């Protein structure tokens, strides 16, 4: 992803095999990685200092921070990231794989540690869909789970929009502003969406993500020509707010309101103070380059997708209030 690179080492195939599967789109040979992670399949007594303050809770994972070091744990397994973000060592207990599951290890435990390593390299995770219109305008849709990012993404892809992701994008600053980068991973699509469109029906027997009742789908298998790796983040940032049976509409946001909502979709912003300034500056530059809205997202565009595309066109054209 961009110029970010992380070498992962382990003598345990039980750890490496699921990580290869999860990160298969991002595997490459690198001579000089910018960070290294050593993983050991071993149960150890807690290596976290007892006075380390808790910085974050996230789906069974706890993150502690003390004197520049970041500690990730489910109180069975532990991973410690050094202050420079260039080296991490993890002791993964077999209990984590059995009791919490391999999905938890790959998609939450290791994934969030990896995202924090990438933050040291100037790549800032955002829980958001990212798409580019046929006219080349970039759209960022930050939202919590359940607000319709994946459904909206599929509808826009079917209208000819290119997509970075339906769930996870990274932001990086450059000389020209901010760019958004794809992080390819399996999508979680509602079952009703798979039943609705012919090209998705081949996934009706795909594994389910419990307890949400969603199917695990690789969008690039269905829409390979519309996959994008990066985009200039200039167009609109639209926060999704799902409303029941209502009319979809856009409401302008101030930058102060938008910063708060962005921070809600990146739980790491306050973990490491040394990274906070660049993190906030990246969000500032993103908001300065885009029109910023909340979209009350109703059910009207489900039956008439042109409503959605018209709203997005107006989000670019109208003057921000």
Protein backbone atom coordinates (compact mmCIF):
# COMPACT_ATOMS: atom_id res chain seq x y z
CA UNK A 1 0.00 0.00 0.00
CA UNK A 2 1.75 3.13 -1.19
CA UNK A 3 5.29 3.03 0.15
CA UNK A 4 4.34 1.31 3.39
CA UNK A 5 5.99 -2.04 4.07
CA UNK A 6 5.94 -4.45 7.00
CA UNK A 7 7.84 -7.76 7.29
CA UNK A 8 5.99 -10.42 9.31
CA UNK A 9 8.02 -13.35 10.65
CA UNK A 10 6.95 -16.47 12.52
CA UNK A 11 7.99 -20.10 12.88
CA UNK A 12 4.32 -21.03 13.23
CA UNK A 13 2.42 -21.90 10.07
CA UNK A 14 -0.73 -21.81 12.21
CA UNK A 15 -0.23 -18.03 12.45
CA UNK A 16 1.22 -17.34 9.01
CA UNK A 17 -1.35 -19.25 6.96
CA UNK A 18 -4.42 -17.18 7.97
CA UNK A 19 -2.39 -13.96 7.72
CA UNK A 20 -1.32 -14.84 4.16
CA UNK A 21 -4.96 -15.41 3.28
CA UNK A 22 -6.16 -12.18 4.89
CA UNK A 23 -3.37 -10.05 3.39
CA UNK A 24 -3.01 -11.89 0.08
CA UNK A 25 -3.68 -8.74 -1.97
CA UNK A 26 -0.84 -6.94 -0.21
CA UNK A 27 1.93 -9.56 -0.23
CA UNK A 28 5.13 -8.63 -2.03
CA UNK A 29 8.89 -9.09 -1.81
CA UNK A 30 10.55 -6.17 0.00
CA UNK A 31 14.32 -5.84 0.44
CA UNK A 32 14.22 -3.12 3.09
CA UNK A 33 10.95 -3.18 5.05
CA UNK A 34 10.11 -0.12 7.09
CA UNK A 35 8.89 -2.24 10.03
CA UNK A 36 9.17 -5.81 11.27
CA UNK A 37 6.79 -7.98 13.31
CA UNK A 38 7.87 -11.20 15.03
CA UNK A 39 5.01 -13.51 16.03
CA UNK A 40 5.32 -16.54 18.29
CA UNK A 41 2.63 -19.10 18.98
CA UNK A 42 3.20 -19.16 22.71
CA UNK A 43 1.30 -18.39 25.88
CA UNK A 44 3.14 -16.01 28.20
CA UNK A 45 2.44 -14.19 31.44
CA UNK A 46 1.36 -10.61 30.74
CA UNK A 47 4.26 -8.42 29.52
CA UNK A 48 2.21 -5.22 29.95
CA UNK A 49 3.34 -2.97 32.84
CA UNK A 50 0.63 -2.91 35.51
CA UNK A 51 0.59 0.92 35.53
CA UNK A 52 0.12 1.28 31.74
CA UNK A 53 -3.10 3.24 31.08
CA UNK A 54 -5.82 1.78 28.88
CA UNK A 55 -6.08 3.82 25.66
CA UNK A 56 -8.68 1.92 23.63
CA UNK A 57 -11.21 -0.92 23.70
CA UNK A 58 -12.28 -2.43 20.38
CA UNK A 59 -14.30 -5.64 19.94
CA UNK A 60 -12.52 -7.64 22.63
CA UNK A 61 -9.12 -6.05 22.00
CA UNK A 62 -7.57 -3.69 24.55
CA UNK A 63 -4.80 -1.22 23.71
CA UNK A 64 -2.51 0.19 26.39
CA UNK A 65 0.08 2.94 25.91
CA UNK A 66 3.06 3.83 28.11
CA UNK A 67 6.32 5.68 27.43
CA UNK A 68 5.94 5.41 23.66
CA UNK A 69 5.15 1.70 23.57
CA UNK A 70 1.76 0.43 22.41
CA UNK A 71 0.44 -2.84 23.83
CA UNK A 72 -2.32 -4.88 22.17
CA UNK A 73 -4.01 -7.68 24.12
CA UNK A 74 -7.11 -9.78 24.62
CA UNK A 75 -5.56 -10.88 27.95
CA UNK A 76 -4.59 -14.18 26.35
CA UNK A 77 -2.24 -12.90 23.63
CA UNK A 78 0.02 -9.86 23.63
CA UNK A 79 1.74 -7.71 21.01
CA UNK A 80 4.10 -4.86 21.86
CA UNK A 81 4.96 -2.12 19.37
CA UNK A 82 8.17 -0.17 20.04
CA UNK A 83 8.06 3.66 20.18
CA UNK A 84 9.56 4.18 16.70
CA UNK A 85 6.93 1.90 15.14
CA UNK A 86 9.64 -0.14 13.41
CA UNK A 87 9.56 -3.29 15.50
CA UNK A 88 6.86 -5.34 17.21
CA UNK A 89 6.86 -8.70 18.96
CA UNK A 90 3.74 -10.73 19.59
CA UNK A 91 3.04 -13.76 21.76
CA UNK A 92 -0.13 -15.35 20.41
CA UNK A 93 -1.75 -17.87 22.73
CA UNK A 94 -3.44 -20.93 21.20
CA UNK A 95 -6.41 -19.96 23.39
CA UNK A 96 -6.98 -16.85 21.25
CA UNK A 97 -7.21 -18.93 18.08
CA UNK A 98 -9.54 -21.49 19.67
CA UNK A 99 -11.78 -19.36 21.88
CA UNK A 100 -11.90 -16.05 19.98
CA UNK A 101 -11.30 -17.59 16.55
CA UNK A 102 -8.90 -17.09 13.67
CA UNK A 103 -11.09 -14.27 12.30
CA UNK A 104 -10.55 -12.30 15.53
CA UNK A 105 -6.79 -12.86 15.32
CA UNK A 106 -6.46 -11.75 11.69
CA UNK A 107 -9.18 -9.09 11.28
CA UNK A 108 -9.03 -7.41 14.69
CA UNK A 109 -5.98 -8.31 16.79
CA UNK A 110 -3.30 -8.34 14.10
CA UNK A 111 -5.13 -5.95 11.76
CA UNK A 112 -5.33 -3.11 14.28
CA UNK A 113 -1.70 -3.59 15.30
CA UNK A 114 -0.76 -3.43 11.61
CA UNK A 115 -2.80 -0.25 11.15
CA UNK A 116 -0.95 1.38 14.04
CA UNK A 117 2.39 0.41 12.48
CA UNK A 118 1.26 2.00 9.20
CA UNK A 119 0.27 5.14 11.10
CA UNK A 120 3.94 5.53 12.01
CA UNK A 121 4.62 5.47 8.25
CA UNK A 122 2.13 8.26 7.51
CA UNK A 123 -0.91 6.16 6.52
CA UNK A 124 -4.05 6.89 8.52
CA UNK A 125 -6.88 4.36 8.62
CA UNK A 126 -10.46 5.54 8.20
CA UNK A 127 -13.55 3.36 8.65
CA UNK A 128 -15.09 4.50 5.41
CA UNK A 129 -16.14 3.58 1.91
CA UNK A 130 -14.19 5.28 -0.87
CA UNK A 131 -15.37 5.69 -4.47
CA UNK A 132 -14.57 7.74 -7.56
CA UNK A 133 -17.30 8.95 -9.92
CA UNK A 134 -17.15 8.47 -13.71
CA UNK A 135 -16.27 12.18 -13.84
CA UNK A 136 -13.23 11.56 -11.62
CA UNK A 137 -14.58 13.08 -8.39
CA UNK A 138 -13.60 11.39 -5.15
CA UNK A 139 -16.13 10.51 -2.46
CA UNK A 140 -15.33 9.45 1.10
CA UNK A 141 -18.20 7.95 3.15
CA UNK A 142 -17.16 7.58 6.80
CA UNK A 143 -19.71 5.71 8.90
CA UNK A 144 -20.10 3.21 11.70
CA UNK A 145 -21.12 -0.37 11.01
CA UNK A 146 -24.73 -0.73 9.93
CA UNK A 147 -25.06 2.66 8.24
CA UNK A 148 -25.03 1.20 4.72
CA UNK A 149 -21.48 1.73 3.40
CA UNK A 150 -21.37 -1.63 1.59
CA UNK A 151 -24.88 -1.34 0.15
CA UNK A 152 -24.20 2.19 -1.08
CA UNK A 153 -20.88 1.05 -2.58
CA UNK A 154 -22.48 -1.75 -4.60
CA UNK A 155 -25.18 0.57 -5.95
CA UNK A 156 -22.58 3.13 -7.03
CA UNK A 157 -20.29 0.51 -8.55
CA UNK A 158 -23.24 -0.62 -10.65
CA UNK A 159 -23.57 3.02 -11.81
CA UNK A 160 -19.97 2.99 -13.08
CA UNK A 161 -18.16 4.37 -10.01
CA UNK A 162 -14.70 2.99 -9.30
CA UNK A 163 -14.14 1.84 -5.74
CA UNK A 164 -11.27 1.86 -3.30
CA UNK A 165 -13.15 -0.02 -0.62
CA UNK A 166 -16.61 -0.43 0.85
CA UNK A 167 -15.24 -0.26 4.40
CA UNK A 168 -11.56 0.66 4.82
CA UNK A 169 -9.48 3.42 3.26
CA UNK A 170 -6.21 5.02 4.25
CA UNK A 171 -5.34 8.70 3.99
CA UNK A 172 -1.83 9.95 3.22
CA UNK A 173 -0.52 13.47 2.72
CA UNK A 174 1.66 14.49 -0.20
CA UNK A 175 2.85 17.69 -1.84
CA UNK A 176 -0.52 18.11 -3.57
CA UNK A 177 -2.76 17.53 -0.56
CA UNK A 178 -4.32 14.26 0.59
CA UNK A 179 -4.78 11.04 -1.33
CA UNK A 180 -6.97 8.10 -0.36
CA UNK A 181 -5.59 4.58 -0.71
CA UNK A 182 -7.33 1.24 -1.06
CA UNK A 183 -6.94 -1.53 1.49
CA UNK A 184 -8.25 -4.64 -0.22
CA UNK A 185 -10.08 -7.12 1.97
CA UNK A 186 -13.19 -9.27 1.99
CA UNK A 187 -16.43 -7.28 1.98
CA UNK A 188 -19.38 -7.94 4.27
CA UNK A 189 -22.55 -7.72 2.19
CA UNK A 190 -26.11 -8.01 3.54
CA UNK A 191 -27.89 -11.12 2.34
CA UNK A 192 -30.76 -9.10 0.85
CA UNK A 193 -28.25 -7.36 -1.42
CA UNK A 194 -26.86 -10.65 -2.69
CA UNK A 195 -30.37 -11.81 -3.54
CA UNK A 196 -31.16 -8.57 -5.36
CA UNK A 197 -28.47 -8.54 -8.07
CA UNK A 198 -27.76 -11.39 -10.47
CA UNK A 199 -23.99 -10.96 -10.44
CA UNK A 200 -23.89 -11.40 -6.65
CA UNK A 201 -26.06 -14.50 -6.41
CA UNK A 202 -23.08 -16.81 -6.85
CA UNK A 203 -22.18 -15.79 -3.28
CA UNK A 204 -25.43 -17.04 -1.75
CA UNK A 205 -23.53 -19.95 -0.19
CA UNK A 206 -20.53 -17.86 0.87
CA UNK A 207 -19.51 -17.98 4.55
CA UNK A 208 -21.60 -15.86 6.90
CA UNK A 209 -20.18 -13.30 9.30
CA UNK A 210 -21.94 -13.91 12.57
CA UNK A 211 -23.79 -12.44 14.39
CA UNK A 212 -24.44 -9.79 11.71
CA UNK A 213 -25.81 -12.24 9.15
CA UNK A 214 -23.68 -10.85 6.32
CA UNK A 215 -21.89 -12.77 3.60
CA UNK A 216 -18.14 -12.61 3.01
CA UNK A 217 -17.68 -11.47 -0.60
CA UNK A 218 -14.68 -10.45 -2.72
CA UNK A 219 -15.95 -7.52 -4.76
CA UNK A 220 -12.95 -7.59 -7.09
CA UNK A 221 -14.12 -10.97 -8.39
CA UNK A 222 -17.39 -9.39 -9.55
CA UNK A 223 -16.27 -5.89 -10.56
CA UNK A 224 -12.54 -6.21 -11.42
CA UNK A 225 -12.51 -3.40 -13.99
CA UNK A 226 -13.85 -0.88 -11.46
CA UNK A 227 -11.27 -1.49 -8.73
CA UNK A 228 -9.06 1.55 -7.94
CA UNK A 229 -5.86 1.58 -5.87
CA UNK A 230 -5.77 5.28 -4.97
CA UNK A 231 -7.44 8.60 -5.65
CA UNK A 232 -6.86 12.29 -5.05
CA UNK A 233 -9.14 13.02 -2.13
CA UNK A 234 -10.91 16.03 -3.64
CA UNK A 235 -14.66 15.99 -4.04
CA UNK A 236 -16.89 15.34 -1.05
CA UNK A 237 -16.74 13.80 2.40
CA UNK A 238 -20.22 12.50 3.22
CA UNK A 239 -21.01 11.01 6.62
CA UNK A 240 -23.76 8.39 6.35
CA UNK A 241 -26.74 8.43 8.69
CA UNK A 242 -29.21 5.66 7.93
CA UNK A 243 -32.86 6.64 8.40
CA UNK A 244 -35.85 4.30 8.17
CA UNK A 245 -38.17 4.84 5.22
CA UNK A 246 -37.22 8.48 4.89
CA UNK A 247 -36.28 10.72 2.01
CA UNK A 248 -32.53 10.90 1.46
CA UNK A 249 -31.04 14.36 1.78
CA UNK A 250 -27.76 16.17 2.34
CA UNK A 251 -27.08 18.48 5.27
CA UNK A 252 -23.95 20.65 5.41
CA UNK A 253 -21.45 20.22 8.23
CA UNK A 254 -18.96 22.59 9.81
CA UNK A 255 -15.32 21.48 9.91
CA UNK A 256 -15.42 21.28 13.70
CA UNK A 257 -18.37 18.86 13.52
CA UNK A 258 -16.65 16.91 10.75
CA UNK A 259 -13.37 16.53 12.67
CA UNK A 260 -15.27 15.03 15.59
CA UNK A 261 -17.08 12.56 13.30
CA UNK A 262 -13.83 11.60 11.56
CA UNK A 263 -12.21 10.85 14.89
CA UNK A 264 -15.13 8.56 15.71
CA UNK A 265 -14.19 6.49 12.64
CA UNK A 266 -10.51 6.22 13.51
CA UNK A 267 -10.13 4.96 17.08
CA UNK A 268 -6.33 5.34 17.08
CA UNK A 269 -6.16 9.11 16.90
CA UNK A 270 -5.66 9.56 20.64
CA UNK A 271 -3.56 6.46 21.37
CA UNK A 272 -0.08 7.85 20.67
CA UNK A 273 0.42 11.61 21.25
CA UNK A 274 3.55 11.65 19.06
CA UNK A 275 1.42 10.84 16.01
CA UNK A 276 -1.55 13.04 16.84
CA UNK A 277 -0.38 16.22 15.09
CA UNK A 278 0.16 14.64 11.67
CA UNK A 279 -3.00 12.63 12.10
CA UNK A 280 -5.11 15.74 12.77
CA UNK A 281 -3.34 17.72 10.06
CA UNK A 282 -4.24 14.97 7.56
CA UNK A 283 -7.90 15.20 8.57
CA UNK A 284 -7.74 19.01 8.31
CA UNK A 285 -6.29 18.86 4.81
CA UNK A 286 -8.92 16.32 3.77
CA UNK A 287 -11.75 18.56 4.95
CA UNK A 288 -10.21 21.67 3.35
CA UNK A 289 -10.07 19.91 -0.03
CA UNK A 290 -13.65 18.64 0.06
CA UNK A 291 -17.22 19.69 0.54
CA UNK A 292 -18.50 18.16 3.76
CA UNK A 293 -21.97 16.77 4.41
CA UNK A 294 -24.11 14.40 6.42
CA UNK A 295 -26.44 12.32 4.27
CA UNK A 296 -29.66 11.10 5.82
CA UNK A 297 -29.77 7.89 3.83
CA UNK A 298 -33.31 6.60 3.34
CA UNK A 299 -34.74 3.77 1.30
CA UNK A 300 -35.76 5.89 -1.69
CA UNK A 301 -32.57 5.31 -3.71
CA UNK A 302 -32.78 1.54 -3.24
CA UNK A 303 -35.58 1.40 -5.80
CA UNK A 304 -34.35 4.42 -7.75
CA UNK A 305 -30.52 4.62 -7.75
CA UNK A 306 -30.59 7.84 -9.79
CA UNK A 307 -31.67 9.62 -6.59
CA UNK A 308 -28.35 8.66 -5.04
CA UNK A 309 -26.23 9.77 -8.00
CA UNK A 310 -28.09 13.10 -8.19
CA UNK A 311 -27.43 13.70 -4.51
CA UNK A 312 -23.73 13.03 -4.97
CA UNK A 313 -23.53 15.35 -7.97
CA UNK A 314 -25.19 18.10 -5.94
CA UNK A 315 -22.72 17.49 -3.08
CA UNK A 316 -19.93 18.55 -5.43
CA UNK A 317 -21.73 21.43 -7.13
CA UNK A 318 -23.43 23.22 -4.25
CA UNK A 319 -21.56 25.80 -2.24
CA UNK A 320 -20.71 24.62 1.24
CA UNK A 321 -22.56 26.68 3.85
